Amino acid sequence: MKWLNKLLYFSNKNSNKNEYNLSETEIQKIQYCLSVSKNENGFLALLNDKKFFFYPEDSENCCFIMYGEKGTSYIAMGDPIGYEEFFEKAIH
């Protein structure tokens, strides 16, 4: 699965209109959360067309919600991804 994540990330890195530049730290957090997640759609995080809300922000053991912006609205792409014990707090 890691090879698929990397393939998707690099193949779409420069092809998205709404590309967001993620820091190396954010990419590492995303990949770590994907490795502990049961969510089958998590690999969509690497398409580089979304923003991320990490909870807790300063922890390696976290979860994230991927979202996009449309006008003044934030649209979440599914459930949080990562450690399930943080999901409820992340949503609030």
N, C-alpha and C. Protein backbone atom coordinates (compact mmCIF):
# COMPACT_ATOMS: atom_id res chain seq x y z
N MET A 1 0.82 -1.20 0.00
CA MET A 1 0.00 0.00 0.00
C MET A 1 0.87 1.26 0.00
N LYS A 2 2.05 1.21 0.64
CA LYS A 2 2.90 2.39 0.67
C LYS A 2 3.33 2.80 -0.74
N TRP A 3 3.61 1.83 -1.58
CA TRP A 3 4.03 2.15 -2.95
C TRP A 3 2.91 2.84 -3.71
N LEU A 4 1.65 2.42 -3.44
CA LEU A 4 0.51 3.05 -4.10
C LEU A 4 0.36 4.50 -3.63
N ASN A 5 0.52 4.72 -2.32
CA ASN A 5 0.44 6.09 -1.79
C ASN A 5 1.49 6.98 -2.44
N LYS A 6 2.71 6.49 -2.55
CA LYS A 6 3.77 7.29 -3.15
C LYS A 6 3.51 7.53 -4.63
N LEU A 7 3.03 6.51 -5.32
CA LEU A 7 2.72 6.66 -6.74
C LEU A 7 1.65 7.73 -6.96
N LEU A 8 0.59 7.67 -6.17
CA LEU A 8 -0.48 8.66 -6.29
C LEU A 8 0.01 10.05 -5.95
N TYR A 9 0.82 10.14 -4.91
CA TYR A 9 1.33 11.45 -4.49
C TYR A 9 2.18 12.08 -5.59
N PHE A 10 3.14 11.34 -6.10
CA PHE A 10 4.05 11.92 -7.08
C PHE A 10 3.41 12.10 -8.45
N SER A 11 2.49 11.21 -8.83
CA SER A 11 1.87 11.35 -10.14
C SER A 11 0.90 12.52 -10.20
N ASN A 12 0.36 12.91 -9.06
CA ASN A 12 -0.59 14.01 -9.03
C ASN A 12 -0.02 15.29 -8.45
N LYS A 13 1.23 15.28 -8.12
CA LYS A 13 1.84 16.42 -7.44
C LYS A 13 1.69 17.71 -8.23
N ASN A 14 1.86 17.67 -9.52
CA ASN A 14 1.82 18.89 -10.32
C ASN A 14 0.62 19.00 -11.24
N SER A 15 -0.35 18.10 -11.12
CA SER A 15 -1.44 18.09 -12.07
C SER A 15 -2.75 18.68 -11.55
N ASN A 16 -2.81 19.09 -10.31
CA ASN A 16 -4.06 19.58 -9.73
C ASN A 16 -4.17 21.09 -9.82
N LYS A 17 -5.36 21.57 -10.16
CA LYS A 17 -5.60 23.00 -10.20
C LYS A 17 -5.52 23.61 -8.81
N ASN A 18 -6.09 22.94 -7.83
CA ASN A 18 -6.12 23.43 -6.46
C ASN A 18 -5.03 22.76 -5.64
N GLU A 19 -3.83 22.85 -6.10
CA GLU A 19 -2.73 22.17 -5.42
C GLU A 19 -2.34 22.92 -4.16
N TYR A 20 -2.14 22.19 -3.09
CA TYR A 20 -1.71 22.74 -1.82
C TYR A 20 -0.32 22.21 -1.54
N ASN A 21 0.57 23.09 -1.16
CA ASN A 21 1.93 22.68 -0.85
C ASN A 21 2.02 22.25 0.60
N LEU A 22 2.22 20.97 0.81
CA LEU A 22 2.34 20.43 2.16
C LEU A 22 3.80 20.41 2.57
N SER A 23 4.02 20.66 3.84
CA SER A 23 5.39 20.57 4.35
C SER A 23 5.77 19.09 4.49
N GLU A 24 7.05 18.85 4.60
CA GLU A 24 7.53 17.47 4.78
C GLU A 24 6.97 16.88 6.07
N THR A 25 6.84 17.70 7.12
CA THR A 25 6.27 17.25 8.39
C THR A 25 4.81 16.83 8.22
N GLU A 26 4.05 17.62 7.48
CA GLU A 26 2.64 17.28 7.24
C GLU A 26 2.53 15.99 6.44
N ILE A 27 3.37 15.81 5.45
CA ILE A 27 3.34 14.58 4.65
C ILE A 27 3.65 13.38 5.53
N GLN A 28 4.64 13.50 6.41
CA GLN A 28 4.99 12.41 7.31
C GLN A 28 3.83 12.09 8.27
N LYS A 29 3.17 13.13 8.79
CA LYS A 29 2.02 12.90 9.68
C LYS A 29 0.89 12.20 8.93
N ILE A 30 0.63 12.63 7.71
CA ILE A 30 -0.42 12.01 6.90
C ILE A 30 -0.10 10.54 6.66
N GLN A 31 1.12 10.25 6.26
CA GLN A 31 1.50 8.87 5.99
C GLN A 31 1.43 8.02 7.25
N TYR A 32 1.81 8.59 8.39
CA TYR A 32 1.72 7.84 9.64
C TYR A 32 0.27 7.56 9.99
N CYS A 33 -0.58 8.56 9.89
CA CYS A 33 -2.01 8.36 10.18
C CYS A 33 -2.62 7.32 9.25
N LEU A 34 -2.21 7.34 7.99
CA LEU A 34 -2.71 6.34 7.04
C LEU A 34 -2.29 4.93 7.45
N SER A 35 -1.09 4.81 8.00
CA SER A 35 -0.59 3.48 8.38
C SER A 35 -1.34 2.88 9.56
N VAL A 36 -1.96 3.71 10.41
CA VAL A 36 -2.69 3.20 11.57
C VAL A 36 -4.20 3.24 11.38
N SER A 37 -4.65 3.74 10.23
CA SER A 37 -6.08 3.92 9.98
C SER A 37 -6.72 2.68 9.37
N LYS A 38 -8.00 2.53 9.67
CA LYS A 38 -8.80 1.47 9.06
C LYS A 38 -9.61 2.00 7.88
N ASN A 39 -9.52 3.29 7.63
CA ASN A 39 -10.27 3.94 6.56
C ASN A 39 -9.69 3.58 5.20
N GLU A 40 -10.50 3.01 4.36
CA GLU A 40 -10.04 2.55 3.04
C GLU A 40 -9.84 3.69 2.05
N ASN A 41 -10.40 4.85 2.31
CA ASN A 41 -10.28 5.98 1.39
C ASN A 41 -9.17 6.94 1.78
N GLY A 42 -8.40 6.59 2.76
CA GLY A 42 -7.36 7.47 3.26
C GLY A 42 -6.31 7.84 2.24
N PHE A 43 -6.04 6.96 1.29
CA PHE A 43 -5.02 7.24 0.29
C PHE A 43 -5.34 8.48 -0.54
N LEU A 44 -6.61 8.90 -0.55
CA LEU A 44 -6.99 10.11 -1.29
C LEU A 44 -6.32 11.37 -0.71
N ALA A 45 -5.81 11.25 0.50
CA ALA A 45 -5.12 12.37 1.11
C ALA A 45 -3.87 12.76 0.33
N LEU A 46 -3.29 11.83 -0.39
CA LEU A 46 -2.04 12.09 -1.09
C LEU A 46 -2.23 12.65 -2.49
N LEU A 47 -3.46 12.97 -2.87
CA LEU A 47 -3.70 13.54 -4.19
C LEU A 47 -3.31 15.01 -4.26
N ASN A 48 -2.97 15.59 -3.13
CA ASN A 48 -2.46 16.97 -3.06
C ASN A 48 -3.47 18.02 -3.51
N ASP A 49 -4.76 17.72 -3.34
CA ASP A 49 -5.79 18.70 -3.70
C ASP A 49 -6.67 19.06 -2.51
N LYS A 50 -6.20 18.74 -1.31
CA LYS A 50 -6.98 18.99 -0.11
C LYS A 50 -6.12 19.70 0.94
N LYS A 51 -6.80 20.27 1.91
CA LYS A 51 -6.14 20.81 3.09
C LYS A 51 -6.40 19.84 4.24
N PHE A 52 -5.66 20.03 5.35
CA PHE A 52 -5.75 19.08 6.46
C PHE A 52 -5.86 19.79 7.79
N PHE A 53 -6.73 19.24 8.62
CA PHE A 53 -6.83 19.67 10.02
C PHE A 53 -6.31 18.49 10.83
N PHE A 54 -5.21 18.71 11.56
CA PHE A 54 -4.63 17.66 12.40
C PHE A 54 -5.06 17.85 13.84
N TYR A 55 -5.40 16.75 14.49
CA TYR A 55 -5.73 16.80 15.92
C TYR A 55 -5.06 15.63 16.61
N PRO A 56 -4.41 15.83 17.73
CA PRO A 56 -3.89 17.11 18.20
C PRO A 56 -2.77 17.57 17.29
N GLU A 57 -2.65 18.86 17.20
CA GLU A 57 -1.76 19.47 16.21
C GLU A 57 -0.29 19.13 16.42
N ASP A 58 0.13 19.05 17.66
CA ASP A 58 1.56 18.88 17.94
C ASP A 58 1.96 17.46 18.32
N SER A 59 1.15 16.48 18.00
CA SER A 59 1.43 15.11 18.38
C SER A 59 1.64 14.23 17.15
N GLU A 60 2.53 13.27 17.28
CA GLU A 60 2.69 12.29 16.20
C GLU A 60 1.51 11.33 16.17
N ASN A 61 0.96 11.03 17.33
CA ASN A 61 -0.16 10.10 17.44
C ASN A 61 -1.46 10.89 17.31
N CYS A 62 -1.87 11.12 16.10
CA CYS A 62 -3.01 12.00 15.88
C CYS A 62 -3.94 11.45 14.83
N CYS A 63 -4.88 12.27 14.46
CA CYS A 63 -5.75 11.96 13.33
C CYS A 63 -5.89 13.24 12.52
N PHE A 64 -6.42 13.12 11.33
CA PHE A 64 -6.63 14.30 10.51
C PHE A 64 -7.95 14.21 9.78
N ILE A 65 -8.46 15.37 9.44
CA ILE A 65 -9.64 15.49 8.59
C ILE A 65 -9.18 16.21 7.34
N MET A 66 -9.42 15.61 6.19
CA MET A 66 -9.06 16.28 4.95
C MET A 66 -10.28 17.04 4.46
N TYR A 67 -10.04 18.23 3.90
CA TYR A 67 -11.15 19.07 3.47
C TYR A 67 -10.73 19.94 2.29
N GLY A 68 -11.73 20.46 1.65
CA GLY A 68 -11.52 21.41 0.57
C GLY A 68 -12.30 22.67 0.86
N GLU A 69 -11.98 23.73 0.17
CA GLU A 69 -12.68 25.00 0.34
C GLU A 69 -13.46 25.33 -0.92
N LYS A 70 -14.69 25.72 -0.73
CA LYS A 70 -15.54 26.18 -1.84
C LYS A 70 -16.21 27.45 -1.38
N GLY A 71 -15.75 28.57 -1.90
CA GLY A 71 -16.27 29.85 -1.42
C GLY A 71 -15.91 30.05 0.03
N THR A 72 -16.93 30.24 0.86
CA THR A 72 -16.70 30.41 2.30
C THR A 72 -16.99 29.14 3.09
N SER A 73 -17.13 28.02 2.39
CA SER A 73 -17.44 26.75 3.04
C SER A 73 -16.23 25.82 3.06
N TYR A 74 -16.16 25.03 4.12
CA TYR A 74 -15.16 23.97 4.23
C TYR A 74 -15.89 22.64 4.10
N ILE A 75 -15.46 21.82 3.16
CA ILE A 75 -16.15 20.56 2.89
C ILE A 75 -15.23 19.41 3.23
N ALA A 76 -15.61 18.64 4.27
CA ALA A 76 -14.79 17.50 4.72
C ALA A 76 -14.92 16.34 3.75
N MET A 77 -13.81 15.66 3.54
CA MET A 77 -13.78 14.48 2.69
C MET A 77 -13.85 13.26 3.59
N GLY A 78 -15.04 12.93 4.03
CA GLY A 78 -15.25 11.72 4.82
C GLY A 78 -14.87 11.85 6.28
N ASP A 79 -14.72 10.69 6.89
CA ASP A 79 -14.41 10.58 8.32
C ASP A 79 -12.95 10.94 8.58
N PRO A 80 -12.64 11.22 9.86
CA PRO A 80 -11.23 11.43 10.22
C PRO A 80 -10.41 10.16 9.93
N ILE A 81 -9.11 10.34 9.82
CA ILE A 81 -8.19 9.25 9.53
C ILE A 81 -7.08 9.27 10.55
N GLY A 82 -6.80 8.12 11.14
CA GLY A 82 -5.74 8.02 12.13
C GLY A 82 -6.22 7.28 13.35
N TYR A 83 -5.79 7.75 14.51
CA TYR A 83 -6.17 7.12 15.77
C TYR A 83 -7.62 7.44 16.13
N GLU A 84 -8.41 6.40 16.28
CA GLU A 84 -9.85 6.56 16.51
C GLU A 84 -10.18 7.28 17.81
N GLU A 85 -9.33 7.19 18.83
CA GLU A 85 -9.64 7.84 20.11
C GLU A 85 -9.67 9.36 20.01
N PHE A 86 -9.15 9.92 18.92
CA PHE A 86 -9.17 11.37 18.74
C PHE A 86 -10.30 11.85 17.83
N PHE A 87 -11.03 10.95 17.21
CA PHE A 87 -12.02 11.33 16.21
C PHE A 87 -13.07 12.31 16.74
N GLU A 88 -13.67 12.00 17.88
CA GLU A 88 -14.74 12.83 18.41
C GLU A 88 -14.26 14.26 18.69
N LYS A 89 -13.10 14.37 19.34
CA LYS A 89 -12.56 15.70 19.64
C LYS A 89 -12.18 16.45 18.37
N ALA A 90 -11.65 15.73 17.38
CA ALA A 90 -11.26 16.38 16.12
C ALA A 90 -12.48 16.94 15.42
N ILE A 91 -13.57 16.23 15.45
CA ILE A 91 -14.80 16.69 14.79
C ILE A 91 -15.36 17.93 15.46
N HIS A 92 -15.27 17.95 16.80
CA HIS A 92 -15.76 19.14 17.54
C HIS A 92 -14.85 20.30 17.32
